């Protein structure tokens, strides 16, 4: 059996797709985040299983080694996804800070009310 980059990419895509679906089934990954990973797995699977697409794109972009285009797409995708996740984490961090402050204010108010009732 002849193993090349395309074969490895196909196996990786299928394996990754199965892992993502398993994580969703076990509720370890939310559906909204899994959609991007599933989409990327399918795109990689299509590109890997039809080298004509990659070869054509590589010729059009003047890339000498067409399989390296797969890795370029993966790298660009990961950079974009990393930026997206960073913005989500930033928003959640701001919400956590606000909620923590609100809880502290409520606790302070609660303590003040309890002091008044005791006196």
PDB file of N, CA and C in Angstrom:
ATOM      1  N   UNK A   1       0.836  -1.182   0.000  1.00  0.00           N
ATOM      2  CA  UNK A   1       0.000   0.000   0.000  1.00  0.00           C
ATOM      3  C   UNK A   1       0.876   1.238   0.000  1.00  0.00           C
ATOM      4  N   UNK A   2       0.545   2.181  -0.855  1.00  0.00           N
ATOM      5  CA  UNK A   2       1.308   3.408  -0.996  1.00  0.00           C
ATOM      6  C   UNK A   2       0.694   4.490  -0.113  1.00  0.00           C
ATOM      7  N   UNK A   3       1.485   5.009   0.816  1.00  0.00           N
ATOM      8  CA  UNK A   3       0.993   6.058   1.715  1.00  0.00           C
ATOM      9  C   UNK A   3       1.666   7.367   1.332  1.00  0.00           C
ATOM     10  N   UNK A   4       0.847   8.368   1.075  1.00  0.00           N
ATOM     11  CA  UNK A   4       1.374   9.692   0.776  1.00  0.00           C
ATOM     12  C   UNK A   4       0.693  10.717   1.678  1.00  0.00           C
ATOM     13  N   UNK A   5       0.993  11.974   1.457  1.00  0.00           N
ATOM     14  CA  UNK A   5       0.433  13.049   2.277  1.00  0.00           C
ATOM     15  C   UNK A   5      -1.082  13.076   2.183  1.00  0.00           C
ATOM     16  N   UNK A   6      -1.617  12.827   1.005  1.00  0.00           N
ATOM     17  CA  UNK A   6      -3.071  12.858   0.833  1.00  0.00           C
ATOM     18  C   UNK A   6      -3.747  11.754   1.651  1.00  0.00           C
ATOM     19  N   UNK A   7      -3.148  10.568   1.649  1.00  0.00           N
ATOM     20  CA  UNK A   7      -3.704   9.458   2.427  1.00  0.00           C
ATOM     21  C   UNK A   7      -3.669   9.774   3.917  1.00  0.00           C
ATOM     22  N   UNK A   8      -2.558  10.307   4.373  1.00  0.00           N
ATOM     23  CA  UNK A   8      -2.438  10.684   5.780  1.00  0.00           C
ATOM     24  C   UNK A   8      -3.461  11.760   6.124  1.00  0.00           C
ATOM     25  N   UNK A   9      -3.653  12.719   5.244  1.00  0.00           N
ATOM     26  CA  UNK A   9      -4.634  13.783   5.478  1.00  0.00           C
ATOM     27  C   UNK A   9      -6.056  13.236   5.541  1.00  0.00           C
ATOM     28  N   UNK A  10      -6.361  12.279   4.678  1.00  0.00           N
ATOM     29  CA  UNK A  10      -7.699  11.667   4.697  1.00  0.00           C
ATOM     30  C   UNK A  10      -7.929  10.941   6.024  1.00  0.00           C
ATOM     31  N   UNK A  11      -6.952  10.141   6.437  1.00  0.00           N
ATOM     32  CA  UNK A  11      -7.073   9.409   7.702  1.00  0.00           C
ATOM     33  C   UNK A  11      -7.199  10.392   8.867  1.00  0.00           C
ATOM     34  N   UNK A  12      -6.386  11.432   8.864  1.00  0.00           N
ATOM     35  CA  UNK A  12      -6.445  12.435   9.924  1.00  0.00           C
ATOM     36  C   UNK A  12      -7.805  13.133   9.946  1.00  0.00           C
ATOM     37  N   UNK A  13      -8.312  13.507   8.788  1.00  0.00           N
ATOM     38  CA  UNK A  13      -9.605  14.201   8.712  1.00  0.00           C
ATOM     39  C   UNK A  13     -10.735  13.347   9.265  1.00  0.00           C
ATOM     40  N   UNK A  14     -10.758  12.094   8.865  1.00  0.00           N
ATOM     41  CA  UNK A  14     -11.814  11.189   9.340  1.00  0.00           C
ATOM     42  C   UNK A  14     -11.689  10.967  10.849  1.00  0.00           C
ATOM     43  N   UNK A  15     -10.469  10.736  11.315  1.00  0.00           N
ATOM     44  CA  UNK A  15     -10.246  10.532  12.748  1.00  0.00           C
ATOM     45  C   UNK A  15     -10.652  11.771  13.543  1.00  0.00           C
ATOM     46  N   UNK A  16     -10.252  12.928  13.058  1.00  0.00           N
ATOM     47  CA  UNK A  16     -10.575  14.174  13.754  1.00  0.00           C
ATOM     48  C   UNK A  16     -12.079  14.415  13.781  1.00  0.00           C
ATOM     49  N   UNK A  17     -12.742  14.132  12.677  1.00  0.00           N
ATOM     50  CA  UNK A  17     -14.196  14.283  12.608  1.00  0.00           C
ATOM     51  C   UNK A  17     -14.882  13.374  13.631  1.00  0.00           C
ATOM     52  N   UNK A  18     -14.422  12.152  13.737  1.00  0.00           N
ATOM     53  CA  UNK A  18     -14.994  11.208  14.711  1.00  0.00           C
ATOM     54  C   UNK A  18     -14.752  11.695  16.141  1.00  0.00           C
ATOM     55  N   UNK A  19     -13.552  12.190  16.412  1.00  0.00           N
ATOM     56  CA  UNK A  19     -13.233  12.686  17.758  1.00  0.00           C
ATOM     57  C   UNK A  19     -14.126  13.870  18.126  1.00  0.00           C
ATOM     58  N   UNK A  20     -14.313  14.802  17.199  1.00  0.00           N
ATOM     59  CA  UNK A  20     -15.161  15.968  17.465  1.00  0.00           C
ATOM     60  C   UNK A  20     -16.598  15.533  17.735  1.00  0.00           C
ATOM     61  N   UNK A  21     -17.109  14.624  16.930  1.00  0.00           N
ATOM     62  CA  UNK A  21     -18.479  14.143  17.126  1.00  0.00           C
ATOM     63  C   UNK A  21     -18.611  13.432  18.475  1.00  0.00           C
ATOM     64  N   UNK A  22     -17.612  12.643  18.849  1.00  0.00           N
ATOM     65  CA  UNK A  22     -17.633  11.972  20.158  1.00  0.00           C
ATOM     66  C   UNK A  22     -17.629  12.988  21.297  1.00  0.00           C
ATOM     67  N   UNK A  23     -16.843  14.056  21.165  1.00  0.00           N
ATOM     68  CA  UNK A  23     -16.813  15.089  22.200  1.00  0.00           C
ATOM     69  C   UNK A  23     -18.165  15.780  22.342  1.00  0.00           C
ATOM     70  N   UNK A  24     -18.847  15.987  21.230  1.00  0.00           N
ATOM     71  CA  UNK A  24     -20.179  16.595  21.276  1.00  0.00           C
ATOM     72  C   UNK A  24     -21.164  15.640  21.942  1.00  0.00           C
ATOM     73  N   UNK A  25     -21.108  14.379  21.581  1.00  0.00           N
ATOM     74  CA  UNK A  25     -22.018  13.385  22.160  1.00  0.00           C
ATOM     75  C   UNK A  25     -21.822  13.292  23.676  1.00  0.00           C
ATOM     76  N   UNK A  26     -20.570  13.382  24.130  1.00  0.00           N
ATOM     77  CA  UNK A  26     -20.277  13.284  25.563  1.00  0.00           C
ATOM     78  C   UNK A  26     -20.434  14.630  26.282  1.00  0.00           C
ATOM     79  N   UNK A  27     -20.923  15.652  25.579  1.00  0.00           N
ATOM     80  CA  UNK A  27     -21.129  16.998  26.134  1.00  0.00           C
ATOM     81  C   UNK A  27     -19.841  17.634  26.649  1.00  0.00           C
ATOM     82  N   UNK A  28     -18.723  17.323  26.020  1.00  0.00           N
ATOM     83  CA  UNK A  28     -17.459  17.941  26.376  1.00  0.00           C
ATOM     84  C   UNK A  28     -17.113  19.084  25.428  1.00  0.00           C
ATOM     85  N   UNK A  29     -17.884  19.221  24.361  1.00  0.00           N
ATOM     86  CA  UNK A  29     -17.699  20.292  23.386  1.00  0.00           C
ATOM     87  C   UNK A  29     -19.077  20.778  22.966  1.00  0.00           C
ATOM     88  N   UNK A  30     -19.275  22.091  23.066  1.00  0.00           N
ATOM     89  CA  UNK A  30     -20.574  22.646  22.690  1.00  0.00           C
ATOM     90  C   UNK A  30     -20.743  22.591  21.178  1.00  0.00           C
ATOM     91  N   UNK A  31     -22.007  22.476  20.770  1.00  0.00           N
ATOM     92  CA  UNK A  31     -22.306  22.345  19.346  1.00  0.00           C
ATOM     93  C   UNK A  31     -21.833  23.558  18.550  1.00  0.00           C
ATOM     94  N   UNK A  32     -21.983  24.749  19.137  1.00  0.00           N
ATOM     95  CA  UNK A  32     -21.612  25.952  18.380  1.00  0.00           C
ATOM     96  C   UNK A  32     -20.119  25.988  18.053  1.00  0.00           C
ATOM     97  N   UNK A  33     -19.281  25.421  18.924  1.00  0.00           N
ATOM     98  CA  UNK A  33     -17.853  25.369  18.639  1.00  0.00           C
ATOM     99  C   UNK A  33     -17.503  24.175  17.756  1.00  0.00           C
ATOM    100  N   UNK A  34     -18.279  23.124  17.861  1.00  0.00           N
ATOM    101  CA  UNK A  34     -17.980  21.928  17.079  1.00  0.00           C
ATOM    102  C   UNK A  34     -18.258  22.130  15.596  1.00  0.00           C
ATOM    103  N   UNK A  35     -19.187  23.014  15.273  1.00  0.00           N
ATOM    104  CA  UNK A  35     -19.531  23.226  13.861  1.00  0.00           C
ATOM    105  C   UNK A  35     -18.331  23.690  13.047  1.00  0.00           C
ATOM    106  N   UNK A  36     -17.525  24.570  13.615  1.00  0.00           N
ATOM    107  CA  UNK A  36     -16.339  25.043  12.892  1.00  0.00           C
ATOM    108  C   UNK A  36     -15.326  23.919  12.683  1.00  0.00           C
ATOM    109  N   UNK A  37     -15.162  23.070  13.703  1.00  0.00           N
ATOM    110  CA  UNK A  37     -14.222  21.959  13.572  1.00  0.00           C
ATOM    111  C   UNK A  37     -14.731  20.911  12.591  1.00  0.00           C
ATOM    112  N   UNK A  38     -16.027  20.652  12.636  1.00  0.00           N
ATOM    113  CA  UNK A  38     -16.607  19.694  11.687  1.00  0.00           C
ATOM    114  C   UNK A  38     -16.467  20.222  10.268  1.00  0.00           C
ATOM    115  N   UNK A  39     -16.742  21.507  10.083  1.00  0.00           N
ATOM    116  CA  UNK A  39     -16.597  22.127   8.764  1.00  0.00           C
ATOM    117  C   UNK A  39     -15.157  22.003   8.267  1.00  0.00           C
ATOM    118  N   UNK A  40     -14.193  22.300   9.140  1.00  0.00           N
ATOM    119  CA  UNK A  40     -12.788  22.224   8.739  1.00  0.00           C
ATOM    120  C   UNK A  40     -12.388  20.789   8.405  1.00  0.00           C
ATOM    121  N   UNK A  41     -12.885  19.827   9.151  1.00  0.00           N
ATOM    122  CA  UNK A  41     -12.576  18.421   8.860  1.00  0.00           C
ATOM    123  C   UNK A  41     -13.113  18.007   7.501  1.00  0.00           C
ATOM    124  N   UNK A  42     -14.326  18.445   7.202  1.00  0.00           N
ATOM    125  CA  UNK A  42     -14.931  18.095   5.914  1.00  0.00           C
ATOM    126  C   UNK A  42     -14.184  18.768   4.767  1.00  0.00           C
ATOM    127  N   UNK A  43     -13.814  20.032   4.947  1.00  0.00           N
ATOM    128  CA  UNK A  43     -13.054  20.732   3.902  1.00  0.00           C
ATOM    129  C   UNK A  43     -11.717  20.032   3.669  1.00  0.00           C
ATOM    130  N   UNK A  44     -11.027  19.689   4.751  1.00  0.00           N
ATOM    131  CA  UNK A  44      -9.747  18.986   4.616  1.00  0.00           C
ATOM    132  C   UNK A  44      -9.935  17.624   3.964  1.00  0.00           C
ATOM    133  N   UNK A  45     -11.014  16.947   4.303  1.00  0.00           N
ATOM    134  CA  UNK A  45     -11.309  15.644   3.704  1.00  0.00           C
ATOM    135  C   UNK A  45     -11.557  15.773   2.206  1.00  0.00           C
ATOM    136  N   UNK A  46     -12.316  16.781   1.808  1.00  0.00           N
ATOM    137  CA  UNK A  46     -12.594  16.997   0.377  1.00  0.00           C
ATOM    138  C   UNK A  46     -11.307  17.343  -0.366  1.00  0.00           C
ATOM    139  N   UNK A  47     -10.524  18.260   0.203  1.00  0.00           N
ATOM    140  CA  UNK A  47      -9.273  18.646  -0.457  1.00  0.00           C
ATOM    141  C   UNK A  47      -8.302  17.475  -0.544  1.00  0.00           C
ATOM    142  N   UNK A  48      -8.252  16.652   0.496  1.00  0.00           N
ATOM    143  CA  UNK A  48      -7.328  15.517   0.507  1.00  0.00           C
ATOM    144  C   UNK A  48      -7.758  14.413  -0.443  1.00  0.00           C
ATOM    145  N   UNK A  49      -9.056  14.204  -0.554  1.00  0.00           N
ATOM    146  CA  UNK A  49      -9.534  13.106  -1.395  1.00  0.00           C
ATOM    147  C   UNK A  49      -9.606  13.476  -2.871  1.00  0.00           C
ATOM    148  N   UNK A  50      -9.538  14.753  -3.190  1.00  0.00           N
ATOM    149  CA  UNK A  50      -9.525  15.189  -4.595  1.00  0.00           C
ATOM    150  C   UNK A  50      -8.304  16.079  -4.824  1.00  0.00           C
ATOM    151  N   UNK A  51      -7.155  15.475  -5.060  1.00  0.00           N
ATOM    152  CA  UNK A  51      -5.925  16.247  -5.246  1.00  0.00           C
ATOM    153  C   UNK A  51      -5.988  17.231  -6.416  1.00  0.00           C
ATOM    154  N   UNK A  52      -6.926  17.025  -7.328  1.00  0.00           N
ATOM    155  CA  UNK A  52      -7.050  17.947  -8.465  1.00  0.00           C
ATOM    156  C   UNK A  52      -7.337  19.359  -7.966  1.00  0.00           C
ATOM    157  N   UNK A  53      -8.182  19.464  -6.939  1.00  0.00           N
ATOM    158  CA  UNK A  53      -8.514  20.785  -6.394  1.00  0.00           C
ATOM    159  C   UNK A  53      -7.267  21.437  -5.815  1.00  0.00           C
ATOM    160  N   UNK A  54      -6.521  20.695  -5.017  1.00  0.00           N
ATOM    161  CA  UNK A  54      -5.310  21.239  -4.397  1.00  0.00           C
ATOM    162  C   UNK A  54      -4.271  21.581  -5.453  1.00  0.00           C
ATOM    163  N   UNK A  55      -4.105  20.710  -6.444  1.00  0.00           N
ATOM    164  CA  UNK A  55      -3.131  20.986  -7.504  1.00  0.00           C
ATOM    165  C   UNK A  55      -3.498  22.244  -8.279  1.00  0.00           C
ATOM    166  N   UNK A  56      -4.775  22.408  -8.578  1.00  0.00           N
ATOM    167  CA  UNK A  56      -5.226  23.595  -9.309  1.00  0.00           C
ATOM    168  C   UNK A  56      -5.008  24.854  -8.485  1.00  0.00           C
ATOM    169  N   UNK A  57      -5.388  24.801  -7.204  1.00  0.00           N
ATOM    170  CA  UNK A  57      -5.185  25.963  -6.335  1.00  0.00           C
ATOM    171  C   UNK A  57      -3.699  26.272  -6.159  1.00  0.00           C
ATOM    172  N   UNK A  58      -2.882  25.231  -6.030  1.00  0.00           N
ATOM    173  CA  UNK A  58      -1.441  25.434  -5.877  1.00  0.00           C
ATOM    174  C   UNK A  58      -0.849  26.077  -7.126  1.00  0.00           C
ATOM    175  N   UNK A  59      -1.279  25.637  -8.297  1.00  0.00           N
ATOM    176  CA  UNK A  59      -0.809  26.262  -9.536  1.00  0.00           C
ATOM    177  C   UNK A  59      -1.245  27.719  -9.608  1.00  0.00           C
ATOM    178  N   UNK A  60      -2.493  27.973  -9.225  1.00  0.00           N
ATOM    179  CA  UNK A  60      -3.038  29.327  -9.279  1.00  0.00           C
ATOM    180  C   UNK A  60      -2.305  30.260  -8.309  1.00  0.00           C
ATOM    181  N   UNK A  61      -1.907  29.712  -7.130  1.00  0.00           N
ATOM    182  CA  UNK A  61      -1.201  30.508  -6.127  1.00  0.00           C
ATOM    183  C   UNK A  61       0.320  30.416  -6.277  1.00  0.00           C
ATOM    184  N   UNK A  62       0.780  29.700  -7.292  1.00  0.00           N
ATOM    185  CA  UNK A  62       2.204  29.519  -7.575  1.00  0.00           C
ATOM    186  C   UNK A  62       2.939  28.856  -6.397  1.00  0.00           C
ATOM    187  N   UNK A  63       2.321  27.813  -5.858  1.00  0.00           N
ATOM    188  CA  UNK A  63       2.929  27.024  -4.791  1.00  0.00           C
ATOM    189  C   UNK A  63       3.466  25.750  -5.429  1.00  0.00           C
ATOM    190  N   UNK A  64       4.750  25.485  -5.207  1.00  0.00           N
ATOM    191  CA  UNK A  64       5.417  24.380  -5.898  1.00  0.00           C
ATOM    192  C   UNK A  64       5.033  23.002  -5.366  1.00  0.00           C
ATOM    193  N   UNK A  65       4.751  22.902  -4.078  1.00  0.00           N
ATOM    194  CA  UNK A  65       4.405  21.617  -3.465  1.00  0.00           C
ATOM    195  C   UNK A  65       2.935  21.659  -3.042  1.00  0.00           C
ATOM    196  N   UNK A  66       2.041  21.109  -3.856  1.00  0.00           N
ATOM    197  CA  UNK A  66       0.602  21.214  -3.571  1.00  0.00           C
ATOM    198  C   UNK A  66       0.162  20.733  -2.187  1.00  0.00           C
ATOM    199  N   UNK A  67       0.707  19.632  -1.637  1.00  0.00           N
ATOM    200  CA  UNK A  67       0.260  19.234  -0.297  1.00  0.00           C
ATOM    201  C   UNK A  67       0.545  20.280   0.784  1.00  0.00           C
ATOM    202  N   UNK A  68       1.552  21.111   0.564  1.00  0.00           N
ATOM    203  CA  UNK A  68       1.830  22.144   1.564  1.00  0.00           C
ATOM    204  C   UNK A  68       0.695  23.164   1.641  1.00  0.00           C
ATOM    205  N   UNK A  69      -0.112  23.233   0.591  1.00  0.00           N
ATOM    206  CA  UNK A  69      -1.281  24.113   0.609  1.00  0.00           C
ATOM    207  C   UNK A  69      -2.289  23.641   1.657  1.00  0.00           C
ATOM    208  N   UNK A  70      -2.393  22.326   1.852  1.00  0.00           N
ATOM    209  CA  UNK A  70      -3.265  21.797   2.912  1.00  0.00           C
ATOM    210  C   UNK A  70      -2.839  22.333   4.275  1.00  0.00           C
ATOM    211  N   UNK A  71      -1.548  22.321   4.522  1.00  0.00           N
ATOM    212  CA  UNK A  71      -1.040  22.793   5.802  1.00  0.00           C
ATOM    213  C   UNK A  71      -1.170  24.311   5.926  1.00  0.00           C
ATOM    214  N   UNK A  72      -1.021  25.014   4.808  1.00  0.00           N
ATOM    215  CA  UNK A  72      -1.230  26.462   4.826  1.00  0.00           C
ATOM    216  C   UNK A  72      -2.677  26.787   5.179  1.00  0.00           C
ATOM    217  N   UNK A  73      -3.628  26.085   4.566  1.00  0.00           N
ATOM    218  CA  UNK A  73      -5.044  26.284   4.897  1.00  0.00           C
ATOM    219  C   UNK A  73      -5.296  25.988   6.374  1.00  0.00           C
ATOM    220  N   UNK A  74      -4.704  24.908   6.860  1.00  0.00           N
ATOM    221  CA  UNK A  74      -4.869  24.550   8.271  1.00  0.00           C
ATOM    222  C   UNK A  74      -4.311  25.613   9.202  1.00  0.00           C
ATOM    223  N   UNK A  75      -3.146  26.131   8.866  1.00  0.00           N
ATOM    224  CA  UNK A  75      -2.521  27.168   9.684  1.00  0.00           C
ATOM    225  C   UNK A  75      -3.357  28.440   9.693  1.00  0.00           C
ATOM    226  N   UNK A  76      -3.815  28.863   8.532  1.00  0.00           N
ATOM    227  CA  UNK A  76      -4.653  30.064   8.447  1.00  0.00           C
ATOM    228  C   UNK A  76      -5.941  29.862   9.241  1.00  0.00           C
ATOM    229  N   UNK A  77      -6.543  28.690   9.089  1.00  0.00           N
ATOM    230  CA  UNK A  77      -7.774  28.398   9.834  1.00  0.00           C
ATOM    231  C   UNK A  77      -7.525  28.460  11.339  1.00  0.00           C
ATOM    232  N   UNK A  78      -6.428  27.860  11.797  1.00  0.00           N
ATOM    233  CA  UNK A  78      -6.133  27.862  13.228  1.00  0.00           C
ATOM    234  C   UNK A  78      -5.875  29.270  13.751  1.00  0.00           C
ATOM    235  N   UNK A  79      -5.231  30.099  12.964  1.00  0.00           N
ATOM    236  CA  UNK A  79      -5.017  31.486  13.383  1.00  0.00           C
ATOM    237  C   UNK A  79      -6.341  32.231  13.515  1.00  0.00           C
ATOM    238  N   UNK A  80      -7.214  32.062  12.539  1.00  0.00           N
ATOM    239  CA  UNK A  80      -8.525  32.720  12.585  1.00  0.00           C
ATOM    240  C   UNK A  80      -9.338  32.183  13.758  1.00  0.00           C
ATOM    241  N   UNK A  81      -9.326  30.888  13.949  1.00  0.00           N
ATOM    242  CA  UNK A  81     -10.084  30.283  15.045  1.00  0.00           C
ATOM    243  C   UNK A  81      -9.526  30.724  16.396  1.00  0.00           C
ATOM    244  N   UNK A  82      -8.210  30.815  16.500  1.00  0.00           N
ATOM    245  CA  UNK A  82      -7.585  31.270  17.736  1.00  0.00           C
ATOM    246  C   UNK A  82      -8.008  32.703  18.060  1.00  0.00           C
ATOM    247  N   UNK A  83      -8.068  33.550  17.061  1.00  0.00           N
ATOM    248  CA  UNK A  83      -8.530  34.922  17.266  1.00  0.00           C
ATOM    249  C   UNK A  83      -9.981  34.928  17.739  1.00  0.00           C
ATOM    250  N   UNK A  84     -10.814  34.102  17.123  1.00  0.00           N
ATOM    251  CA  UNK A  84     -12.221  34.005  17.520  1.00  0.00           C
ATOM    252  C   UNK A  84     -12.352  33.553  18.975  1.00  0.00           C
ATOM    253  N   UNK A  85     -11.631  32.510  19.343  1.00  0.00           N
ATOM    254  CA  UNK A  85     -11.708  31.988  20.709  1.00  0.00           C
ATOM    255  C   UNK A  85     -11.184  33.026  21.703  1.00  0.00           C
ATOM    256  N   UNK A  86     -10.157  33.766  21.326  1.00  0.00           N
ATOM    257  CA  UNK A  86      -9.628  34.806  22.199  1.00  0.00           C
ATOM    258  C   UNK A  86     -10.661  35.894  22.452  1.00  0.00           C
ATOM    259  N   UNK A  87     -11.407  36.283  21.422  1.00  0.00           N
ATOM    260  CA  UNK A  87     -12.455  37.288  21.629  1.00  0.00           C
ATOM    261  C   UNK A  87     -13.572  36.735  22.513  1.00  0.00           C
ATOM    262  N   UNK A  88     -13.921  35.473  22.341  1.00  0.00           N
ATOM    263  CA  UNK A  88     -14.947  34.852  23.195  1.00  0.00           C
ATOM    264  C   UNK A  88     -14.473  34.830  24.645  1.00  0.00           C
ATOM    265  N   UNK A  89     -13.227  34.434  24.874  1.00  0.00           N
ATOM    266  CA  UNK A  89     -12.676  34.385  26.229  1.00  0.00           C
ATOM    267  C   UNK A  89     -12.636  35.789  26.834  1.00  0.00           C
ATOM    268  N   UNK A  90     -12.293  36.786  26.040  1.00  0.00           N
ATOM    269  CA  UNK A  90     -12.258  38.160  26.543  1.00  0.00           C
ATOM    270  C   UNK A  90     -13.639  38.616  26.988  1.00  0.00           C
ATOM    271  N   UNK A  91     -14.653  38.342  26.162  1.00  0.00           N
ATOM    272  CA  UNK A  91     -16.022  38.717  26.537  1.00  0.00           C
ATOM    273  C   UNK A  91     -16.462  37.990  27.801  1.00  0.00           C
ATOM    274  N   UNK A  92     -16.150  36.710  27.884  1.00  0.00           N
ATOM    275  CA  UNK A  92     -16.543  35.944  29.067  1.00  0.00           C
ATOM    276  C   UNK A  92     -15.806  36.431  30.310  1.00  0.00           C
ATOM    277  N   UNK A  93     -14.564  36.828  30.153  1.00  0.00           N
ATOM    278  CA  UNK A  93     -13.797  37.354  31.279  1.00  0.00           C
ATOM    279  C   UNK A  93     -14.427  38.644  31.798  1.00  0.00           C
ATOM    280  N   UNK A  94     -14.860  39.511  30.886  1.00  0.00           N
ATOM    281  CA  UNK A  94     -15.533  40.746  31.294  1.00  0.00           C
ATOM    282  C   UNK A  94     -16.844  40.435  32.014  1.00  0.00           C
ATOM    283  N   UNK A  95     -17.594  39.467  31.509  1.00  0.00           N
ATOM    284  CA  UNK A  95     -18.857  39.084  32.158  1.00  0.00           C
ATOM    285  C   UNK A  95     -18.604  38.505  33.549  1.00  0.00           C
ATOM    286  N   UNK A  96     -17.567  37.688  33.684  1.00  0.00           N
ATOM    287  CA  UNK A  96     -17.238  37.099  34.984  1.00  0.00           C
ATOM    288  C   UNK A  96     -16.856  38.193  35.974  1.00  0.00           C
ATOM    289  N   UNK A  97     -16.070  39.160  35.523  1.00  0.00           N
ATOM    290  CA  UNK A  97     -15.689  40.273  36.393  1.00  0.00           C
ATOM    291  C   UNK A  97     -16.920  41.041  36.850  1.00  0.00           C
ATOM    292  N   UNK A  98     -17.816  41.332  35.925  1.00  0.00           N
ATOM    293  CA  UNK A  98     -19.038  42.064  36.262  1.00  0.00           C
ATOM    294  C   UNK A  98     -19.901  41.265  37.237  1.00  0.00           C
ATOM    295  N   UNK A  99     -20.065  39.974  36.984  1.00  0.00           N
ATOM    296  CA  UNK A  99     -20.855  39.133  37.887  1.00  0.00           C
ATOM    297  C   UNK A  99     -20.224  39.039  39.273  1.00  0.00           C
ATOM    298  N   UNK A 100     -18.913  38.948  39.334  1.00  0.00           N
ATOM    299  CA  UNK A 100     -18.218  38.900  40.618  1.00  0.00           C
ATOM    300  C   UNK A 100     -18.447  40.183  41.399  1.00  0.00           C
ATOM    301  N   UNK A 101     -18.381  41.316  40.715  1.00  0.00           N
ATOM    302  CA  UNK A 101     -18.631  42.595  41.377  1.00  0.00           C
ATOM    303  C   UNK A 101     -20.072  42.690  41.866  1.00  0.00           C
ATOM    304  N   UNK A 102     -21.017  42.229  41.055  1.00  0.00           N
ATOM    305  CA  UNK A 102     -22.421  42.258  41.466  1.00  0.00           C
ATOM    306  C   UNK A 102     -22.658  41.363  42.679  1.00  0.00           C
ATOM    307  N   UNK A 103     -22.040  40.198  42.701  1.00  0.00           N
ATOM    308  CA  UNK A 103     -22.177  39.296  43.851  1.00  0.00           C
ATOM    309  C   UNK A 103     -21.586  39.943  45.100  1.00  0.00           C
ATOM    310  N   UNK A 104     -20.438  40.599  44.952  1.00  0.00           N
ATOM    311  CA  UNK A 104     -19.821  41.269  46.100  1.00  0.00           C
ATOM    312  C   UNK A 104     -20.724  42.379  46.627  1.00  0.00           C
ATOM    313  N   UNK A 105     -21.337  43.148  45.724  1.00  0.00           N
ATOM    314  CA  UNK A 105     -22.259  44.204  46.156  1.00  0.00           C
ATOM    315  C   UNK A 105     -23.488  43.616  46.849  1.00  0.00           C
ATOM    316  N   UNK A 106     -24.037  42.548  46.300  1.00  0.00           N
ATOM    317  CA  UNK A 106     -25.190  41.908  46.918  1.00  0.00           C
ATOM    318  C   UNK A 106     -24.839  41.340  48.295  1.00  0.00           C
ATOM    319  N   UNK A 107     -23.666  40.745  48.405  1.00  0.00           N
ATOM    320  CA  UNK A 107     -23.227  40.201  49.689  1.00  0.00           C
ATOM    321  C   UNK A 107     -23.048  41.321  50.698  1.00  0.00           C
ATOM    322  N   UNK A 108     -22.472  42.419  50.264  1.00  0.00           N
ATOM    323  CA  UNK A 108     -22.285  43.571  51.150  1.00  0.00           C
ATOM    324  C   UNK A 108     -23.639  44.105  51.615  1.00  0.00           C
ATOM    325  N   UNK A 109     -24.577  44.244  50.687  1.00  0.00           N
ATOM    326  CA  UNK A 109     -25.923  44.712  51.029  1.00  0.00           C
ATOM    327  C   UNK A 109     -26.597  43.737  51.988  1.00  0.00           C
ATOM    328  N   UNK A 110     -26.457  42.458  51.727  1.00  0.00           N
ATOM    329  CA  UNK A 110     -27.042  41.424  52.585  1.00  0.00           C
ATOM    330  C   UNK A 110     -26.466  41.511  54.002  1.00  0.00           C
ATOM    331  N   UNK A 111     -25.138  41.663  54.087  1.00  0.00           N
ATOM    332  CA  UNK A 111     -24.490  41.781  55.393  1.00  0.00           C
ATOM    333  C   UNK A 111     -24.968  43.026  56.137  1.00  0.00           C
ATOM    334  N   UNK A 112     -25.112  44.136  55.431  1.00  0.00           N
ATOM    335  CA  UNK A 112     -25.589  45.378  56.052  1.00  0.00           C
ATOM    336  C   UNK A 112     -27.006  45.204  56.587  1.00  0.00           C
ATOM    337  N   UNK A 113     -27.871  44.544  55.821  1.00  0.00           N
ATOM    338  CA  UNK A 113     -29.249  44.308  56.260  1.00  0.00           C
ATOM    339  C   UNK A 113     -29.283  43.405  57.489  1.00  0.00           C
ATOM    340  N   UNK A 114     -28.440  42.395  57.506  1.00  0.00           N
ATOM    341  CA  UNK A 114     -28.381  41.492  58.666  1.00  0.00           C
ATOM    342  C   UNK A 114     -27.887  42.214  59.914  1.00  0.00           C
ATOM    343  N   UNK A 115     -26.937  43.143  59.768  1.00  0.00           N
ATOM    344  CA  UNK A 115     -26.446  43.924  60.902  1.00  0.00           C
ATOM    345  C   UNK A 115     -27.556  44.802  61.465  1.00  0.00           C
ATOM    346  N   UNK A 116     -28.346  45.423  60.564  1.00  0.00           N
ATOM    347  CA  UNK A 116     -29.442  46.290  61.009  1.00  0.00           C
ATOM    348  C   UNK A 116     -30.491  45.491  61.769  1.00  0.00           C
ATOM    349  N   UNK A 117     -30.779  44.292  61.304  1.00  0.00           N
ATOM    350  CA  UNK A 117     -31.791  43.457  61.955  1.00  0.00           C
ATOM    351  C   UNK A 117     -31.330  42.997  63.336  1.00  0.00           C
ATOM    352  N   UNK A 118     -30.050  42.755  63.505  1.00  0.00           N
ATOM    353  CA  UNK A 118     -29.525  42.304  64.793  1.00  0.00           C
ATOM    354  C   UNK A 118     -29.544  43.432  65.818  1.00  0.00           C
ATOM    355  N   UNK A 119     -29.394  44.658  65.351  1.00  0.00           N
ATOM    356  CA  UNK A 119     -29.362  45.804  66.277  1.00  0.00           C
ATOM    357  C   UNK A 119     -30.724  46.234  66.567  1.00  0.00           C
TER     358      UNK A 119
END
